[in-house]
Amino acid sequence: MLNISSPMTEAMYYILLALMNPNHGYQLMSSIEQVSKGRIKMGPGTLYGVLTRLQKDELIVILNDDGRRKTYAITEEGRAALKAEYKRLKYMINDGIILEE
């Protein structure tokens, strides 16, 4: 299980962020590109590898599997982990404010 205080990879963060609305794989790739304002283009290898890990860590679940595609959703544990990572990143940005001087 992922320790909620452990830093996430960028891929994990953006997948969880994109799963604030349930999605299937192809939609997820598009949503990640959208939410990152084009900065991140995630390929299927990375996406499905991270989805497997997030599912194992119980941060996401499969809502529907029709045999052709799986629809994923974030769990409450996933939301808590995403919020914790967001806070950690905000603290890092605030700690670096000295660089703007």
Protein backbone atom coordinates (compact mmCIF):
# COMPACT_ATOMS: atom_id res chain seq x y z
CA MET A 1 0.00 0.00 0.00
CA LEU A 2 1.27 3.48 -0.86
CA ASN A 3 2.24 5.50 2.18
CA ILE A 4 0.07 8.64 2.02
CA SER A 5 3.05 10.79 3.03
CA SER A 6 5.31 9.36 0.29
CA PRO A 7 5.89 11.57 -2.72
CA MET A 8 4.01 10.48 -5.84
CA THR A 9 5.43 10.25 -9.29
CA GLU A 10 4.20 12.88 -11.73
CA ALA A 11 2.30 10.16 -13.61
CA MET A 12 0.51 8.99 -10.45
CA TYR A 13 -0.46 12.55 -9.53
CA TYR A 14 -1.91 13.38 -12.94
CA ILE A 15 -3.76 10.08 -13.28
CA LEU A 16 -5.42 10.57 -9.89
CA LEU A 17 -6.21 14.17 -10.79
CA ALA A 18 -7.76 13.08 -14.10
CA LEU A 19 -9.79 10.41 -12.25
CA MET A 20 -11.71 13.00 -10.26
CA ASN A 21 -14.20 12.10 -13.00
CA PRO A 22 -14.34 8.37 -13.84
CA ASN A 23 -12.66 7.58 -17.16
CA HIS A 24 -11.36 4.76 -19.30
CA GLY A 25 -7.79 4.53 -20.58
CA TYR A 26 -8.06 6.45 -23.84
CA GLN A 27 -10.10 9.23 -22.19
CA LEU A 28 -7.55 9.35 -19.38
CA MET A 29 -4.68 10.05 -21.77
CA SER A 30 -6.67 12.94 -23.22
CA SER A 31 -7.75 14.22 -19.77
CA ILE A 32 -4.17 14.18 -18.49
CA GLU A 33 -3.01 16.19 -21.48
CA GLN A 34 -5.88 18.61 -20.89
CA VAL A 35 -5.39 19.04 -17.11
CA SER A 36 -1.63 19.51 -17.59
CA LYS A 37 -2.33 22.11 -20.31
CA GLY A 38 -0.48 19.99 -22.87
CA ARG A 39 2.66 19.60 -20.77
CA ILE A 40 2.15 15.86 -20.23
CA LYS A 41 1.41 13.37 -23.00
CA MET A 42 1.20 9.98 -21.35
CA GLY A 43 1.60 6.87 -23.46
CA PRO A 44 -0.34 3.65 -22.90
CA GLY A 45 2.63 1.79 -21.38
CA THR A 46 3.09 4.34 -18.61
CA LEU A 47 -0.65 4.81 -18.13
CA TYR A 48 -1.55 1.16 -17.72
CA GLY A 49 1.50 0.41 -15.56
CA VAL A 50 0.55 3.19 -13.16
CA LEU A 51 -3.15 2.24 -13.23
CA THR A 52 -2.18 -1.28 -12.16
CA ARG A 53 -0.10 0.08 -9.27
CA LEU A 54 -2.82 2.53 -8.17
CA GLN A 55 -5.39 -0.25 -8.23
CA LYS A 56 -3.09 -2.53 -6.18
CA ASP A 57 -2.61 0.32 -3.68
CA GLU A 58 -6.43 0.74 -3.54
CA LEU A 59 -6.25 4.35 -4.68
CA ILE A 60 -8.48 3.58 -7.68
CA VAL A 61 -11.11 0.96 -8.54
CA ILE A 62 -12.57 -0.39 -11.75
CA LEU A 63 -16.18 0.79 -12.01
CA ASN A 64 -16.99 -1.06 -15.19
CA ASP A 65 -15.28 -3.65 -17.37
CA ASP A 66 -17.21 -4.49 -20.52
CA GLY A 67 -14.40 -6.64 -21.88
CA ARG A 68 -13.23 -3.95 -24.30
CA ARG A 69 -12.53 -1.14 -21.89
CA LYS A 70 -12.32 -0.55 -18.17
CA THR A 71 -13.67 2.55 -16.48
CA TYR A 72 -11.60 3.65 -13.49
CA ALA A 73 -12.53 5.87 -10.54
CA ILE A 74 -10.58 7.33 -7.64
CA THR A 75 -11.33 5.95 -4.15
CA GLU A 76 -11.60 7.93 -0.91
CA GLU A 77 -8.06 6.72 -0.10
CA GLY A 78 -6.98 7.98 -3.51
CA ARG A 79 -8.55 11.39 -2.86
CA ALA A 80 -6.78 11.60 0.51
CA ALA A 81 -3.44 10.67 -1.09
CA LEU A 82 -3.96 13.20 -3.90
CA LYS A 83 -4.80 15.96 -1.42
CA ALA A 84 -1.75 15.08 0.70
CA GLU A 85 0.47 15.25 -2.40
CA TYR A 86 -1.07 18.56 -3.45
CA LYS A 87 -0.30 20.00 -0.01
CA ARG A 88 3.26 18.64 -0.13
CA LEU A 89 3.82 20.27 -3.52
CA LYS A 90 2.39 23.58 -2.30
CA TYR A 91 4.78 23.53 0.68
CA MET A 92 7.69 22.88 -1.69
CA ILE A 93 6.67 25.86 -3.84
CA ASN A 94 6.35 28.07 -0.76
CA ASP A 95 9.75 26.90 0.51
CA GLY A 96 11.30 27.94 -2.79
CA ILE A 97 9.89 31.48 -2.67
CA ILE A 98 13.37 32.65 -1.75
CA LEU A 99 14.39 31.98 -5.36
CA GLU A 100 12.16 34.84 -6.53
CA GLU A 101 14.24 37.42 -4.66
